[in-house]
Amino acid sequence: METTNKEQIYDEQISPLMTQIIAICQQHKIPMLASFSIPTEADPDLACSTSLIGNGFEAPESYTRALRELRPELFRRPGLMIRAEHGDGSMTLTSVI
C-alpha cells in the first residue's frame, strides 16, 4: 500500500496557492491564520502554519488564541529584558533567558 507524502503534496500543490492567498491578504490587510498537519515518518508532528495577525492586521482575539495554541513558542517571553540607551542615541537590548 502506497503512503501519501503529505509534505510533498503541501509543497507542490498547497504552497503555491498559499503564496497567492498571502499576497492578496497582505495587499488588502486581511488577517488570516492557516495551519496544515503534514506528518512524515521522520517528523510525525510536522506542520506548516501561516498567519497575518497584528502589525496592521487587526484579527479577532480568537485568531491570536488559536495561534498561541498552534505555536506557543511565539508567545514565550524571555525571563528578563534589559534596555540600555547610549549617549550616541543607539540602544542595546539584552534578553536573559
Foldseek 3Di string as FASTA:
>chain_A
DDDDQQVVCCVPPVVVVVVVVVVVCVVVLAWDKDKAQGADPVGNRDMDIDTDDDPSNPDPVVRVVVVCVVCVVVVDDAPDWDWDQDPVRDIDIDGHD
